[in-house]
Amino acid sequence: MRLLLRSSLWYTSAFLGSHTAFKSELVTQAITSYLIKTMHYQTEERGRPNSSDYRIYFKTSDGKYISPFHDIPLIADGDQVLYNMVVEVPRWSNAKMEIATKESLNPIKQDMKKGKLRYVANVFPHKGYIWNYGALPQTWEDPNHTDKDTKCCGDNDPIDVCEIGTLVCSPGQVIQVKVLGVLAMIDEGETDWKLIAINADDPEAPSLNSIEDVRKSRSGHLEATVDWFKKYKVPDGKPENQFAFNGQFKDKDFAMEVIKSTHEHWRALVQKQTNGGEIDW
């Protein structure tokens, strides 16, 4: 796989923020604050939806193309501990859309397998994805790193997010989310973390601050999430997915440590690319 990182915004945030001469928290916070205040995102669709050539590209308000994987800051609001989430799949839809980590500028595209577009099956009694589904930018689950808790390596993608709010989002939408907990799915021997979060603009966001709040106010929602992830590949002839921690959700503090770890792995990845130009996998 070749990851192409050619944006000046990425260079500013990733390289300067991790270079030994710029490691102070004040400098890192200043860079993050600058990006948060100045970056507003637009999307540009190319091709026809539900086709192999369909892409959603990301641009700044002044029309500069950016990567949703590398150029959008992870942290949206340091005071409230909000994260930017790139929405790939709206709730109730079936097309498996994802950030194309192998393509220049990393647009969103529909995943393909054996030459066919991928759609998730309806897992009874649900229709499509049961949350707005997407990823946190500037994170990466390192396939060469064995997690100390799951005993499995990462899945080579940004960390996934299940946004459980009442609003249905759009592909390519960048929203600010409050993280509530995390589920550790094991997908074909790889660690595939699933963050549980809520849109900060959702009417229910003020009352949901932990995974226990979700359990109390959304009866059956967490159980449905485990059931969905366990079974969604079965119609394709694959076995049920497994989970670390016996399928139990870990709390907000644990989730934030997972985010921190995947962000550090992303920083190491882009630092390696800065030093070497381009990475061939």
Protein backbone atom coordinates (compact mmCIF):
# COMPACT_ATOMS: atom_id res chain seq x y z
CA MET A 1 0.00 0.00 0.00
CA ARG A 2 1.20 3.49 -0.79
CA LEU A 3 0.02 6.36 1.37
CA LEU A 4 0.50 9.75 -0.27
CA LEU A 5 0.77 12.76 2.01
CA ARG A 6 1.39 16.00 0.15
CA SER A 7 -0.59 18.64 2.02
CA SER A 8 0.98 21.64 3.68
CA LEU A 9 -1.67 21.41 6.38
CA TRP A 10 -0.61 17.85 7.16
CA TYR A 11 3.04 18.96 7.18
CA THR A 12 2.31 21.71 9.68
CA SER A 13 0.32 19.59 12.11
CA ALA A 14 2.08 16.24 11.81
CA PHE A 15 5.71 17.13 11.18
CA LEU A 16 6.16 20.24 13.27
CA GLY A 17 4.03 18.81 16.06
CA SER A 18 6.20 15.71 16.36
CA HIS A 19 9.66 17.12 15.48
CA THR A 20 12.03 17.23 18.46
CA ALA A 21 12.36 21.00 18.16
CA PHE A 22 8.60 21.48 18.48
CA LYS A 23 7.56 19.06 21.19
CA SER A 24 6.28 21.47 23.80
CA GLU A 25 2.61 21.18 24.65
CA LEU A 26 2.13 24.89 24.00
CA VAL A 27 3.31 24.61 20.42
CA THR A 28 1.23 21.49 19.78
CA GLN A 29 -1.86 23.11 21.28
CA ALA A 30 -1.30 26.28 19.28
CA ILE A 31 -1.04 24.34 16.02
CA THR A 32 -4.17 22.32 16.84
CA SER A 33 -6.08 25.46 17.85
CA TYR A 34 -5.08 27.20 14.62
CA LEU A 35 -6.24 24.30 12.46
CA ILE A 36 -9.54 23.96 14.34
CA LYS A 37 -10.35 27.65 13.90
CA THR A 38 -9.31 27.95 10.26
CA MET A 39 -10.36 24.67 8.68
CA HIS A 40 -13.89 24.29 7.30
CA TYR A 41 -14.64 21.38 5.05
CA GLN A 42 -16.41 20.91 1.74
CA THR A 43 -16.88 17.73 -0.24
CA GLU A 44 -16.75 17.11 -3.98
CA GLU A 45 -18.41 14.06 -5.47
CA ARG A 46 -17.04 12.40 -8.58
CA GLY A 47 -18.58 9.51 -10.45
CA ARG A 48 -21.94 7.88 -9.85
CA PRO A 49 -23.03 6.57 -6.41
CA ASN A 50 -23.11 2.78 -6.17
CA SER A 51 -20.37 2.45 -8.77
CA SER A 52 -16.69 1.53 -8.56
CA ASP A 53 -15.57 4.99 -9.70
CA TYR A 54 -17.59 6.98 -7.14
CA ARG A 55 -15.44 9.15 -4.86
CA ILE A 56 -16.03 11.86 -2.26
CA TYR A 57 -13.09 14.27 -2.05
CA PHE A 58 -12.50 16.75 0.76
CA LYS A 59 -11.59 20.43 0.40
CA THR A 60 -11.04 23.41 2.65
CA SER A 61 -13.29 26.46 2.41
CA ASP A 62 -10.83 28.04 -0.01
CA GLY A 63 -10.97 25.03 -2.34
CA LYS A 64 -7.73 23.28 -1.41
CA TYR A 65 -7.93 19.50 -1.57
CA ILE A 66 -7.09 17.74 1.68
CA SER A 67 -6.94 14.22 3.06
CA PRO A 68 -9.63 13.26 5.61
CA PHE A 69 -7.17 10.71 6.98
CA HIS A 70 -4.25 13.07 7.54
CA ASP A 71 -5.29 16.74 7.31
CA ILE A 72 -8.36 16.97 9.53
CA PRO A 73 -7.26 17.36 13.16
CA LEU A 74 -8.12 14.58 15.58
CA ILE A 75 -9.16 16.95 18.36
CA ALA A 76 -12.05 19.31 17.64
CA ASP A 77 -12.32 20.98 21.04
CA GLY A 78 -9.71 20.44 23.74
CA ASP A 79 -11.80 22.04 26.48
CA GLN A 80 -14.78 19.72 25.99
CA VAL A 81 -12.67 16.78 24.77
CA LEU A 82 -14.47 16.53 21.45
CA TYR A 83 -13.08 14.68 18.46
CA ASN A 84 -13.61 15.18 14.75
CA MET A 85 -15.37 12.24 13.12
CA VAL A 86 -15.45 11.67 9.37
CA VAL A 87 -18.80 10.06 8.54
CA GLU A 88 -18.43 7.29 5.97
CA VAL A 89 -21.80 5.51 6.24
CA PRO A 90 -25.13 7.08 7.28
CA ARG A 91 -27.40 5.16 9.61
CA TRP A 92 -29.86 2.71 7.94
CA SER A 93 -27.79 2.48 4.72
CA ASN A 94 -26.03 -0.64 3.38
CA ALA A 95 -23.25 0.50 1.03
CA LYS A 96 -19.89 -0.12 2.73
CA MET A 97 -18.21 3.25 2.26
CA GLU A 98 -14.73 3.92 3.63
CA ILE A 99 -11.75 6.25 3.52
CA ALA A 100 -9.50 5.02 0.71
CA THR A 101 -6.16 4.88 2.53
CA LYS A 102 -4.39 3.55 -0.56
CA GLU A 103 -5.38 6.43 -2.85
CA SER A 104 -3.99 9.92 -3.18
CA LEU A 105 -5.95 12.41 -1.04
CA ASN A 106 -7.78 9.48 0.59
CA PRO A 107 -11.30 10.11 -0.72
CA ILE A 108 -14.28 8.11 0.53
CA LYS A 109 -15.20 5.26 -1.81
CA GLN A 110 -17.32 2.13 -1.74
CA ASP A 111 -15.34 -0.93 -0.76
CA MET A 112 -15.02 -3.78 -3.23
CA LYS A 113 -14.37 -7.48 -2.80
CA LYS A 114 -13.64 -9.90 -5.65
CA GLY A 115 -14.56 -7.21 -8.15
CA LYS A 116 -17.97 -6.49 -6.64
CA LEU A 117 -19.20 -3.50 -4.65
CA ARG A 118 -19.74 -4.33 -0.99
CA TYR A 119 -23.04 -3.93 0.82
CA VAL A 120 -23.65 -5.09 4.36
CA ALA A 121 -26.58 -7.43 4.79
CA ASN A 122 -29.55 -6.55 6.95
CA VAL A 123 -28.99 -8.23 10.32
CA PHE A 124 -32.49 -8.97 11.59
CA PRO A 125 -34.24 -6.94 12.89
CA HIS A 126 -32.00 -4.08 11.74
CA LYS A 127 -31.76 -2.21 8.43
CA GLY A 128 -28.18 -1.59 7.31
CA TYR A 129 -25.79 0.11 9.72
CA ILE A 130 -27.55 0.89 12.99
CA TRP A 131 -25.53 4.05 13.71
CA ASN A 132 -23.74 6.72 11.71
CA TYR A 133 -20.45 4.98 11.03
CA GLY A 134 -17.07 6.50 10.30
CA ALA A 135 -13.56 7.11 11.59
CA LEU A 136 -11.40 9.45 13.62
CA PRO A 137 -8.80 11.26 11.46
CA GLN A 138 -5.13 11.12 12.39
CA THR A 139 -5.46 7.67 13.95
CA TRP A 140 -4.16 4.34 12.68
CA GLU A 141 -4.41 0.78 13.93
CA ASP A 142 -0.87 -0.42 13.29
CA PRO A 143 -0.80 -3.90 11.70
CA ASN A 144 2.70 -4.42 13.10
CA HIS A 145 1.76 -3.63 16.70
CA THR A 146 0.34 -6.31 19.00
CA ASP A 147 -2.12 -4.77 21.44
CA LYS A 148 -1.38 -5.70 25.04
CA ASP A 149 -5.06 -6.31 25.83
CA THR A 150 -6.40 -8.00 22.70
CA LYS A 151 -3.13 -9.83 21.86
CA CYS A 152 -3.82 -9.05 18.18
CA CYS A 153 -2.33 -6.58 15.69
CA GLY A 154 -4.22 -3.60 14.25
CA ASP A 155 -6.31 -3.72 11.08
CA ASN A 156 -4.33 -1.10 9.12
CA ASP A 157 -7.12 1.51 9.16
CA PRO A 158 -8.14 4.61 11.11
CA ILE A 159 -10.10 3.80 14.26
CA ASP A 160 -13.83 3.25 13.68
CA VAL A 161 -16.64 5.21 15.31
CA CYS A 162 -20.30 4.31 15.90
CA GLU A 163 -22.18 7.57 16.40
CA ILE A 164 -25.41 6.78 18.28
CA GLY A 165 -27.22 10.13 18.13
CA THR A 166 -30.70 10.76 16.75
CA LEU A 167 -29.56 12.66 13.64
CA VAL A 168 -28.84 10.84 10.37
CA CYS A 169 -25.61 12.15 8.85
CA SER A 170 -24.30 12.23 5.28
CA PRO A 171 -21.22 10.55 3.76
CA GLY A 172 -18.28 12.93 4.01
CA GLN A 173 -19.81 15.00 6.80
CA VAL A 174 -17.32 16.00 9.51
CA ILE A 175 -18.96 16.15 12.92
CA GLN A 176 -17.68 16.72 16.44
CA VAL A 177 -18.31 13.81 18.78
CA LYS A 178 -18.12 13.00 22.47
CA VAL A 179 -16.58 9.56 23.04
CA LEU A 180 -18.43 7.38 25.56
CA GLY A 181 -16.71 4.00 25.42
CA VAL A 182 -15.21 1.35 23.16
CA LEU A 183 -15.75 -2.24 22.01
CA ALA A 184 -12.80 -4.46 21.05
CA MET A 185 -13.81 -6.54 18.03
CA ILE A 186 -11.47 -9.22 16.69
CA ASP A 187 -11.96 -9.41 12.92
CA GLU A 188 -10.16 -12.33 11.28
CA GLY A 189 -7.42 -12.17 13.91
CA GLU A 190 -6.99 -8.39 13.82
CA THR A 191 -7.88 -5.80 16.47
CA ASP A 192 -10.70 -3.58 15.20
CA TRP A 193 -11.70 -1.07 17.88
CA LYS A 194 -15.25 0.33 17.69
CA LEU A 195 -15.66 3.62 19.52
CA ILE A 196 -19.11 4.52 20.82
CA ALA A 197 -19.74 8.26 20.54
CA ILE A 198 -22.46 10.87 20.17
CA ASN A 199 -22.64 13.95 17.99
CA ALA A 200 -22.00 17.00 20.18
CA ASP A 201 -24.90 18.76 18.40
CA ASP A 202 -27.37 15.97 19.16
CA PRO A 203 -30.22 16.91 21.53
CA GLU A 204 -29.32 13.96 23.76
CA ALA A 205 -25.59 14.73 23.94
CA PRO A 206 -25.75 16.68 27.26
CA SER A 207 -27.30 13.67 29.04
CA LEU A 208 -24.92 11.03 27.66
CA ASN A 209 -21.46 11.18 29.21
CA SER A 210 -20.47 7.55 29.74
CA ILE A 211 -21.12 4.05 28.48
CA GLU A 212 -23.29 3.50 31.57
CA ASP A 213 -25.46 6.44 30.55
CA VAL A 214 -26.01 4.70 27.23
CA ARG A 215 -26.85 1.44 28.97
CA LYS A 216 -29.40 3.15 31.23
CA SER A 217 -31.10 5.44 28.71
CA ARG A 218 -30.86 3.29 25.57
CA SER A 219 -32.08 -0.11 26.67
CA GLY A 220 -30.75 -2.81 24.35
CA HIS A 221 -28.64 -0.47 22.22
CA LEU A 222 -25.25 -1.78 23.31
CA GLU A 223 -26.42 -5.38 23.08
CA ALA A 224 -27.69 -4.72 19.55
CA THR A 225 -24.29 -3.24 18.64
CA VAL A 226 -22.45 -6.38 19.76
CA ASP A 227 -24.97 -8.59 17.96
CA TRP A 228 -24.64 -6.57 14.75
CA PHE A 229 -20.86 -6.72 14.67
CA LYS A 230 -20.90 -10.41 15.56
CA LYS A 231 -23.19 -11.39 12.69
CA TYR A 232 -22.85 -8.87 9.87
CA LYS A 233 -20.37 -10.97 7.87
CA VAL A 234 -22.19 -14.27 8.31
CA PRO A 235 -24.41 -13.76 5.21
CA ASP A 236 -21.16 -13.53 3.21
CA GLY A 237 -20.16 -17.00 4.36
CA LYS A 238 -17.77 -15.89 7.09
CA PRO A 239 -17.79 -16.96 10.74
CA GLU A 240 -19.10 -14.74 13.51
CA ASN A 241 -16.66 -12.09 14.71
CA GLN A 242 -15.15 -12.43 18.16
CA PHE A 243 -14.48 -9.85 20.87
CA ALA A 244 -11.91 -9.17 23.54
CA PHE A 245 -13.08 -8.64 27.12
CA ASN A 246 -15.91 -11.17 26.52
CA GLY A 247 -17.73 -8.62 24.40
CA GLN A 248 -17.98 -6.09 27.23
CA PHE A 249 -17.69 -2.39 26.49
CA LYS A 250 -14.81 -0.52 28.10
CA ASP A 251 -15.37 2.92 29.60
CA LYS A 252 -14.60 6.42 28.36
CA ASP A 253 -11.17 6.62 30.01
CA PHE A 254 -10.11 3.34 28.40
CA ALA A 255 -11.44 4.54 25.04
CA MET A 256 -9.39 7.73 25.25
CA GLU A 257 -6.25 5.70 25.92
CA VAL A 258 -7.01 3.67 22.78
CA ILE A 259 -7.43 6.89 20.80
CA LYS A 260 -4.16 8.22 22.18
CA SER A 261 -2.35 5.03 21.21
CA THR A 262 -3.74 4.98 17.65
CA HIS A 263 -2.89 8.66 17.25
CA GLU A 264 0.70 7.95 18.30
CA HIS A 265 0.87 5.14 15.75
CA TRP A 266 -0.40 7.54 13.09
CA ARG A 267 2.23 10.11 14.07
CA ALA A 268 4.94 7.46 13.75
CA LEU A 269 3.60 6.53 10.32
CA VAL A 270 3.65 10.06 8.95
CA GLN A 271 7.02 10.80 10.56
CA LYS A 272 8.41 7.77 8.76
CA GLN A 273 6.96 9.08 5.52
CA THR A 274 8.42 12.55 6.17
CA ASN A 275 11.84 11.00 6.53
CA GLY A 276 11.50 8.61 3.62
CA GLY A 277 9.25 10.36 1.12
CA GLU A 278 6.66 7.68 0.35
CA ILE A 279 5.95 4.37 2.06
CA ASP A 280 5.53 1.22 -0.01
CA TRP A 281 3.74 -1.61 1.77
